[in-house]
Amino acid sequence: MATWDRGEKEFTCPQCGAVYECTYEDLPSRERGKQECEDCGATVHSWNGSRDYEDWKLIRHGRGAVKSFGSLLTAQSSVKKG
């Protein structure tokens, strides 16, 4: 299958500000899909056309994201004490 263009692109979640990087590729066929934010669940990007996006990587967490299970336990114990 012929490829016209490919590269990398960054997207920012419109809800929490998490930053993602992905690769894109222009194809002669129609592709569609969407990427949801790992931090808040909002749609970061959706597509329906000749450009396909893949290999999504979370570069920076958004506002208020819990980054580890240990952070969650610390947050919960702080609430119980307060």
PDB file of N, CA and C in Angstrom:
ATOM      1  N   MET A   1       0.840  -1.173   0.000  1.00  0.00           N
ATOM      2  CA  MET A   1       0.000   0.000   0.000  1.00  0.00           C
ATOM      3  C   MET A   1       0.889   1.242   0.000  1.00  0.00           C
ATOM      4  N   ALA A   2       0.599   2.184  -0.834  1.00  0.00           N
ATOM      5  CA  ALA A   2       1.398   3.403  -0.944  1.00  0.00           C
ATOM      6  C   ALA A   2       1.137   4.324   0.247  1.00  0.00           C
ATOM      7  N   THR A   3       2.193   4.984   0.704  1.00  0.00           N
ATOM      8  CA  THR A   3       2.089   5.941   1.796  1.00  0.00           C
ATOM      9  C   THR A   3       2.534   7.299   1.295  1.00  0.00           C
ATOM     10  N   TRP A   4       1.767   8.352   1.571  1.00  0.00           N
ATOM     11  CA  TRP A   4       2.097   9.681   1.087  1.00  0.00           C
ATOM     12  C   TRP A   4       2.891  10.497   2.097  1.00  0.00           C
ATOM     13  N   ASP A   5       2.557  10.401   3.348  1.00  0.00           N
ATOM     14  CA  ASP A   5       3.232  11.209   4.362  1.00  0.00           C
ATOM     15  C   ASP A   5       3.160  10.470   5.684  1.00  0.00           C
ATOM     16  N   ARG A   6       4.210  10.633   6.492  1.00  0.00           N
ATOM     17  CA  ARG A   6       4.197  10.086   7.845  1.00  0.00           C
ATOM     18  C   ARG A   6       5.049  10.970   8.724  1.00  0.00           C
ATOM     19  N   GLY A   7       4.771  10.942  10.011  1.00  0.00           N
ATOM     20  CA  GLY A   7       5.525  11.760  10.946  1.00  0.00           C
ATOM     21  C   GLY A   7       5.002  11.593  12.355  1.00  0.00           C
ATOM     22  N   GLU A   8       5.389  12.521  13.219  1.00  0.00           N
ATOM     23  CA  GLU A   8       4.957  12.516  14.614  1.00  0.00           C
ATOM     24  C   GLU A   8       4.179  13.792  14.901  1.00  0.00           C
ATOM     25  N   LYS A   9       3.268  13.702  15.857  1.00  0.00           N
ATOM     26  CA  LYS A   9       2.435  14.855  16.197  1.00  0.00           C
ATOM     27  C   LYS A   9       2.110  14.792  17.686  1.00  0.00           C
ATOM     28  N   GLU A  10       1.971  15.961  18.308  1.00  0.00           N
ATOM     29  CA  GLU A  10       1.561  16.046  19.709  1.00  0.00           C
ATOM     30  C   GLU A  10       0.126  16.536  19.801  1.00  0.00           C
ATOM     31  N   PHE A  11      -0.601  15.988  20.770  1.00  0.00           N
ATOM     32  CA  PHE A  11      -1.961  16.420  21.069  1.00  0.00           C
ATOM     33  C   PHE A  11      -2.071  16.669  22.563  1.00  0.00           C
ATOM     34  N   THR A  12      -2.889  17.626  22.943  1.00  0.00           N
ATOM     35  CA  THR A  12      -3.139  17.935  24.345  1.00  0.00           C
ATOM     36  C   THR A  12      -4.597  17.652  24.663  1.00  0.00           C
ATOM     37  N   CYS A  13      -4.844  16.974  25.773  1.00  0.00           N
ATOM     38  CA  CYS A  13      -6.211  16.682  26.183  1.00  0.00           C
ATOM     39  C   CYS A  13      -6.929  18.004  26.481  1.00  0.00           C
ATOM     40  N   PRO A  14      -8.094  18.223  25.875  1.00  0.00           N
ATOM     41  CA  PRO A  14      -8.809  19.477  26.087  1.00  0.00           C
ATOM     42  C   PRO A  14      -9.388  19.612  27.495  1.00  0.00           C
ATOM     43  N   GLN A  15      -9.497  18.496  28.209  1.00  0.00           N
ATOM     44  CA  GLN A  15     -10.119  18.544  29.542  1.00  0.00           C
ATOM     45  C   GLN A  15      -9.088  18.706  30.661  1.00  0.00           C
ATOM     46  N   CYS A  16      -8.011  17.900  30.658  1.00  0.00           N
ATOM     47  CA  CYS A  16      -7.069  17.936  31.790  1.00  0.00           C
ATOM     48  C   CYS A  16      -5.675  18.432  31.428  1.00  0.00           C
ATOM     49  N   GLY A  17      -5.380  18.558  30.142  1.00  0.00           N
ATOM     50  CA  GLY A  17      -4.088  19.070  29.724  1.00  0.00           C
ATOM     51  C   GLY A  17      -2.991  18.037  29.556  1.00  0.00           C
ATOM     52  N   ALA A  18      -3.307  16.742  29.679  1.00  0.00           N
ATOM     53  CA  ALA A  18      -2.303  15.703  29.448  1.00  0.00           C
ATOM     54  C   ALA A  18      -1.791  15.813  28.014  1.00  0.00           C
ATOM     55  N   VAL A  19      -0.511  15.522  27.814  1.00  0.00           N
ATOM     56  CA  VAL A  19       0.096  15.666  26.490  1.00  0.00           C
ATOM     57  C   VAL A  19       0.465  14.279  25.953  1.00  0.00           C
ATOM     58  N   TYR A  20       0.095  14.034  24.714  1.00  0.00           N
ATOM     59  CA  TYR A  20       0.361  12.770  24.036  1.00  0.00           C
ATOM     60  C   TYR A  20       1.160  13.006  22.769  1.00  0.00           C
ATOM     61  N   GLU A  21       1.960  12.018  22.413  1.00  0.00           N
ATOM     62  CA  GLU A  21       2.671  12.022  21.140  1.00  0.00           C
ATOM     63  C   GLU A  21       2.255  10.759  20.392  1.00  0.00           C
ATOM     64  N   CYS A  22       2.096  10.872  19.092  1.00  0.00           N
ATOM     65  CA  CYS A  22       1.735   9.720  18.281  1.00  0.00           C
ATOM     66  C   CYS A  22       2.391   9.839  16.917  1.00  0.00           C
ATOM     67  N   THR A  23       2.313   8.760  16.165  1.00  0.00           N
ATOM     68  CA  THR A  23       2.764   8.795  14.779  1.00  0.00           C
ATOM     69  C   THR A  23       1.527   8.855  13.898  1.00  0.00           C
ATOM     70  N   TYR A  24       1.678   9.476  12.737  1.00  0.00           N
ATOM     71  CA  TYR A  24       0.578   9.510  11.778  1.00  0.00           C
ATOM     72  C   TYR A  24       1.098   9.066  10.425  1.00  0.00           C
ATOM     73  N   GLU A  25       0.158   8.631   9.619  1.00  0.00           N
ATOM     74  CA  GLU A  25       0.496   8.150   8.286  1.00  0.00           C
ATOM     75  C   GLU A  25      -0.677   8.444   7.364  1.00  0.00           C
ATOM     76  N   ASP A  26      -0.416   9.097   6.244  1.00  0.00           N
ATOM     77  CA  ASP A  26      -1.448   9.317   5.235  1.00  0.00           C
ATOM     78  C   ASP A  26      -1.537   8.078   4.353  1.00  0.00           C
ATOM     79  N   LEU A  27      -2.738   7.581   4.179  1.00  0.00           N
ATOM     80  CA  LEU A  27      -2.970   6.346   3.424  1.00  0.00           C
ATOM     81  C   LEU A  27      -4.002   6.580   2.334  1.00  0.00           C
ATOM     82  N   PRO A  28      -3.983   5.755   1.303  1.00  0.00           N
ATOM     83  CA  PRO A  28      -4.991   5.892   0.253  1.00  0.00           C
ATOM     84  C   PRO A  28      -6.369   5.378   0.690  1.00  0.00           C
ATOM     85  N   SER A  29      -6.431   4.674   1.810  1.00  0.00           N
ATOM     86  CA  SER A  29      -7.713   4.176   2.310  1.00  0.00           C
ATOM     87  C   SER A  29      -8.208   5.060   3.455  1.00  0.00           C
ATOM     88  N   ARG A  30      -9.464   4.946   3.745  1.00  0.00           N
ATOM     89  CA  ARG A  30     -10.083   5.742   4.808  1.00  0.00           C
ATOM     90  C   ARG A  30      -9.877   5.039   6.152  1.00  0.00           C
ATOM     91  N   GLU A  31      -9.431   5.792   7.161  1.00  0.00           N
ATOM     92  CA  GLU A  31      -9.223   5.275   8.513  1.00  0.00           C
ATOM     93  C   GLU A  31     -10.033   6.105   9.492  1.00  0.00           C
ATOM     94  N   ARG A  32     -10.484   5.476  10.582  1.00  0.00           N
ATOM     95  CA  ARG A  32     -11.149   6.243  11.614  1.00  0.00           C
ATOM     96  C   ARG A  32     -10.854   5.634  12.979  1.00  0.00           C
ATOM     97  N   GLY A  33     -10.927   6.469  13.976  1.00  0.00           N
ATOM     98  CA  GLY A  33     -10.680   6.020  15.336  1.00  0.00           C
ATOM     99  C   GLY A  33     -10.648   7.201  16.279  1.00  0.00           C
ATOM    100  N   LYS A  34     -10.309   6.927  17.541  1.00  0.00           N
ATOM    101  CA  LYS A  34     -10.162   7.996  18.511  1.00  0.00           C
ATOM    102  C   LYS A  34      -9.207   7.554  19.603  1.00  0.00           C
ATOM    103  N   GLN A  35      -8.606   8.523  20.254  1.00  0.00           N
ATOM    104  CA  GLN A  35      -7.715   8.278  21.373  1.00  0.00           C
ATOM    105  C   GLN A  35      -8.333   8.939  22.597  1.00  0.00           C
ATOM    106  N   GLU A  36      -8.514   8.153  23.650  1.00  0.00           N
ATOM    107  CA  GLU A  36      -9.056   8.690  24.890  1.00  0.00           C
ATOM    108  C   GLU A  36      -7.930   8.938  25.880  1.00  0.00           C
ATOM    109  N   CYS A  37      -8.098   9.944  26.708  1.00  0.00           N
ATOM    110  CA  CYS A  37      -7.096  10.322  27.704  1.00  0.00           C
ATOM    111  C   CYS A  37      -7.015   9.256  28.793  1.00  0.00           C
ATOM    112  N   GLU A  38      -5.809   8.841  29.123  1.00  0.00           N
ATOM    113  CA  GLU A  38      -5.596   7.865  30.189  1.00  0.00           C
ATOM    114  C   GLU A  38      -5.869   8.462  31.562  1.00  0.00           C
ATOM    115  N   ASP A  39      -5.765   9.779  31.698  1.00  0.00           N
ATOM    116  CA  ASP A  39      -5.955  10.432  32.991  1.00  0.00           C
ATOM    117  C   ASP A  39      -7.414  10.737  33.297  1.00  0.00           C
ATOM    118  N   CYS A  40      -8.171  11.263  32.315  1.00  0.00           N
ATOM    119  CA  CYS A  40      -9.537  11.707  32.610  1.00  0.00           C
ATOM    120  C   CYS A  40     -10.608  11.052  31.741  1.00  0.00           C
ATOM    121  N   GLY A  41     -10.228  10.359  30.669  1.00  0.00           N
ATOM    122  CA  GLY A  41     -11.194   9.670  29.816  1.00  0.00           C
ATOM    123  C   GLY A  41     -11.767  10.495  28.679  1.00  0.00           C
ATOM    124  N   ALA A  42     -11.416  11.779  28.601  1.00  0.00           N
ATOM    125  CA  ALA A  42     -11.915  12.629  27.513  1.00  0.00           C
ATOM    126  C   ALA A  42     -11.297  12.211  26.180  1.00  0.00           C
ATOM    127  N   THR A  43     -11.947  12.560  25.090  1.00  0.00           N
ATOM    128  CA  THR A  43     -11.396  12.295  23.766  1.00  0.00           C
ATOM    129  C   THR A  43     -10.293  13.312  23.472  1.00  0.00           C
ATOM    130  N   VAL A  44      -9.075  12.808  23.261  1.00  0.00           N
ATOM    131  CA  VAL A  44      -7.933  13.659  22.934  1.00  0.00           C
ATOM    132  C   VAL A  44      -7.973  14.019  21.456  1.00  0.00           C
ATOM    133  N   HIS A  45      -8.281  13.023  20.625  1.00  0.00           N
ATOM    134  CA  HIS A  45      -8.342  13.251  19.179  1.00  0.00           C
ATOM    135  C   HIS A  45      -9.186  12.153  18.544  1.00  0.00           C
ATOM    136  N   SER A  46      -9.990  12.516  17.562  1.00  0.00           N
ATOM    137  CA  SER A  46     -10.721  11.532  16.765  1.00  0.00           C
ATOM    138  C   SER A  46     -10.479  11.844  15.296  1.00  0.00           C
ATOM    139  N   TRP A  47     -10.529  10.806  14.474  1.00  0.00           N
ATOM    140  CA  TRP A  47     -10.247  10.995  13.059  1.00  0.00           C
ATOM    141  C   TRP A  47     -11.126  10.090  12.206  1.00  0.00           C
ATOM    142  N   ASN A  48     -11.357  10.559  10.990  1.00  0.00           N
ATOM    143  CA  ASN A  48     -12.148   9.818  10.012  1.00  0.00           C
ATOM    144  C   ASN A  48     -11.738  10.348   8.641  1.00  0.00           C
ATOM    145  N   GLY A  49     -10.717   9.743   8.075  1.00  0.00           N
ATOM    146  CA  GLY A  49     -10.210  10.217   6.797  1.00  0.00           C
ATOM    147  C   GLY A  49      -9.010   9.413   6.350  1.00  0.00           C
ATOM    148  N   SER A  50      -8.187   9.997   5.515  1.00  0.00           N
ATOM    149  CA  SER A  50      -7.053   9.260   4.950  1.00  0.00           C
ATOM    150  C   SER A  50      -5.822   9.267   5.860  1.00  0.00           C
ATOM    151  N   ARG A  51      -5.872   9.996   6.979  1.00  0.00           N
ATOM    152  CA  ARG A  51      -4.737  10.011   7.913  1.00  0.00           C
ATOM    153  C   ARG A  51      -5.045   9.094   9.098  1.00  0.00           C
ATOM    154  N   ASP A  52      -4.128   8.175   9.392  1.00  0.00           N
ATOM    155  CA  ASP A  52      -4.276   7.258  10.513  1.00  0.00           C
ATOM    156  C   ASP A  52      -3.274   7.648  11.600  1.00  0.00           C
ATOM    157  N   TYR A  53      -3.685   7.527  12.863  1.00  0.00           N
ATOM    158  CA  TYR A  53      -2.836   7.853  14.013  1.00  0.00           C
ATOM    159  C   TYR A  53      -2.640   6.594  14.839  1.00  0.00           C
ATOM    160  N   GLU A  54      -1.385   6.351  15.270  1.00  0.00           N
ATOM    161  CA  GLU A  54      -1.094   5.149  16.066  1.00  0.00           C
ATOM    162  C   GLU A  54       0.107   5.386  16.967  1.00  0.00           C
ATOM    163  N   ASP A  55       0.437   4.383  17.768  1.00  0.00           N
ATOM    164  CA  ASP A  55       1.573   4.420  18.697  1.00  0.00           C
ATOM    165  C   ASP A  55       1.489   5.617  19.650  1.00  0.00           C
ATOM    166  N   TRP A  56       0.348   5.774  20.297  1.00  0.00           N
ATOM    167  CA  TRP A  56       0.126   6.883  21.223  1.00  0.00           C
ATOM    168  C   TRP A  56       0.950   6.681  22.487  1.00  0.00           C
ATOM    169  N   LYS A  57       1.629   7.747  22.938  1.00  0.00           N
ATOM    170  CA  LYS A  57       2.430   7.712  24.162  1.00  0.00           C
ATOM    171  C   LYS A  57       2.063   8.912  25.019  1.00  0.00           C
ATOM    172  N   LEU A  58       1.811   8.652  26.302  1.00  0.00           N
ATOM    173  CA  LEU A  58       1.542   9.728  27.246  1.00  0.00           C
ATOM    174  C   LEU A  58       2.875  10.384  27.603  1.00  0.00           C
ATOM    175  N   ILE A  59       3.018  11.659  27.289  1.00  0.00           N
ATOM    176  CA  ILE A  59       4.259  12.400  27.533  1.00  0.00           C
ATOM    177  C   ILE A  59       4.217  13.100  28.885  1.00  0.00           C
ATOM    178  N   ARG A  60       3.077  13.690  29.231  1.00  0.00           N
ATOM    179  CA  ARG A  60       2.944  14.414  30.493  1.00  0.00           C
ATOM    180  C   ARG A  60       1.517  14.254  31.006  1.00  0.00           C
ATOM    181  N   HIS A  61       1.384  13.881  32.272  1.00  0.00           N
ATOM    182  CA  HIS A  61       0.070  13.730  32.888  1.00  0.00           C
ATOM    183  C   HIS A  61      -0.649  15.067  32.977  1.00  0.00           C
ATOM    184  N   GLY A  62      -1.962  14.982  33.013  1.00  0.00           N
ATOM    185  CA  GLY A  62      -2.781  16.175  33.121  1.00  0.00           C
ATOM    186  C   GLY A  62      -2.946  16.630  34.562  1.00  0.00           C
ATOM    187  N   ARG A  63      -3.653  17.732  34.733  1.00  0.00           N
ATOM    188  CA  ARG A  63      -3.913  18.280  36.063  1.00  0.00           C
ATOM    189  C   ARG A  63      -4.720  17.290  36.891  1.00  0.00           C
ATOM    190  N   GLY A  64      -4.279  17.049  38.119  1.00  0.00           N
ATOM    191  CA  GLY A  64      -5.026  16.209  39.046  1.00  0.00           C
ATOM    192  C   GLY A  64      -4.884  14.721  38.813  1.00  0.00           C
ATOM    193  N   ALA A  65      -3.983  14.298  37.936  1.00  0.00           N
ATOM    194  CA  ALA A  65      -3.820  12.872  37.662  1.00  0.00           C
ATOM    195  C   ALA A  65      -3.080  12.193  38.811  1.00  0.00           C
ATOM    196  N   VAL A  66      -3.534  11.012  39.187  1.00  0.00           N
ATOM    197  CA  VAL A  66      -2.833  10.202  40.173  1.00  0.00           C
ATOM    198  C   VAL A  66      -1.804   9.391  39.406  1.00  0.00           C
ATOM    199  N   LYS A  67      -0.537   9.592  39.723  1.00  0.00           N
ATOM    200  CA  LYS A  67       0.526   9.006  38.921  1.00  0.00           C
ATOM    201  C   LYS A  67       0.959   7.609  39.376  1.00  0.00           C
ATOM    202  N   SER A  68       0.579   7.208  40.574  1.00  0.00           N
ATOM    203  CA  SER A  68       0.964   5.872  41.031  1.00  0.00           C
ATOM    204  C   SER A  68      -0.015   5.403  42.094  1.00  0.00           C
ATOM    205  N   PHE A  69       0.005   4.116  42.376  1.00  0.00           N
ATOM    206  CA  PHE A  69      -0.867   3.545  43.394  1.00  0.00           C
ATOM    207  C   PHE A  69      -0.496   4.091  44.770  1.00  0.00           C
ATOM    208  N   GLY A  70       0.805   4.310  45.007  1.00  0.00           N
ATOM    209  CA  GLY A  70       1.264   4.879  46.272  1.00  0.00           C
ATOM    210  C   GLY A  70       0.695   6.266  46.504  1.00  0.00           C
ATOM    211  N   SER A  71       0.608   7.059  45.453  1.00  0.00           N
ATOM    212  CA  SER A  71       0.022   8.399  45.566  1.00  0.00           C
ATOM    213  C   SER A  71      -1.451   8.308  45.923  1.00  0.00           C
ATOM    214  N   LEU A  72      -2.136   7.314  45.380  1.00  0.00           N
ATOM    215  CA  LEU A  72      -3.549   7.125  45.680  1.00  0.00           C
ATOM    216  C   LEU A  72      -3.735   6.785  47.149  1.00  0.00           C
ATOM    217  N   LEU A  73      -2.903   5.883  47.678  1.00  0.00           N
ATOM    218  CA  LEU A  73      -3.003   5.521  49.092  1.00  0.00           C
ATOM    219  C   LEU A  73      -2.730   6.721  49.985  1.00  0.00           C
ATOM    220  N   THR A  74      -1.736   7.520  49.651  1.00  0.00           N
ATOM    221  CA  THR A  74      -1.415   8.711  50.414  1.00  0.00           C
ATOM    222  C   THR A  74      -2.581   9.693  50.392  1.00  0.00           C
ATOM    223  N   ALA A  75      -3.176   9.880  49.231  1.00  0.00           N
ATOM    224  CA  ALA A  75      -4.311  10.788  49.101  1.00  0.00           C
ATOM    225  C   ALA A  75      -5.501  10.305  49.927  1.00  0.00           C
ATOM    226  N   GLN A  76      -5.767   8.988  49.920  1.00  0.00           N
ATOM    227  CA  GLN A  76      -6.895   8.443  50.670  1.00  0.00           C
ATOM    228  C   GLN A  76      -6.661   8.566  52.170  1.00  0.00           C
ATOM    229  N   SER A  77      -5.448   8.301  52.649  1.00  0.00           N
ATOM    230  CA  SER A  77      -5.187   8.384  54.077  1.00  0.00           C
ATOM    231  C   SER A  77      -5.252   9.834  54.554  1.00  0.00           C
ATOM    232  N   SER A  78      -4.899  10.794  53.702  1.00  0.00           N
ATOM    233  CA  SER A  78      -5.004  12.206  54.069  1.00  0.00           C
ATOM    234  C   SER A  78      -6.464  12.602  54.247  1.00  0.00           C
ATOM    235  N   VAL A  79      -7.335  12.060  53.421  1.00  0.00           N
ATOM    236  CA  VAL A  79      -8.764  12.379  53.508  1.00  0.00           C
ATOM    237  C   VAL A  79      -9.342  11.804  54.797  1.00  0.00           C
ATOM    238  N   LYS A  80      -8.962  10.584  55.172  1.00  0.00           N
ATOM    239  CA  LYS A  80      -9.486   9.943  56.377  1.00  0.00           C
ATOM    240  C   LYS A  80      -9.050  10.671  57.640  1.00  0.00           C
ATOM    241  N   LYS A  81      -7.835  11.218  57.640  1.00  0.00           N
ATOM    242  CA  LYS A  81      -7.323  11.914  58.813  1.00  0.00           C
ATOM    243  C   LYS A  81      -7.969  13.281  58.993  1.00  0.00           C
ATOM    244  N   GLY A  82      -8.357  13.905  57.857  1.00  0.00           N
ATOM    245  CA  GLY A  82      -8.887  15.273  57.873  1.00  0.00           C
ATOM    246  C   GLY A  82     -10.263  15.315  58.339  1.00  0.00           C
TER     247      GLY A  82
END
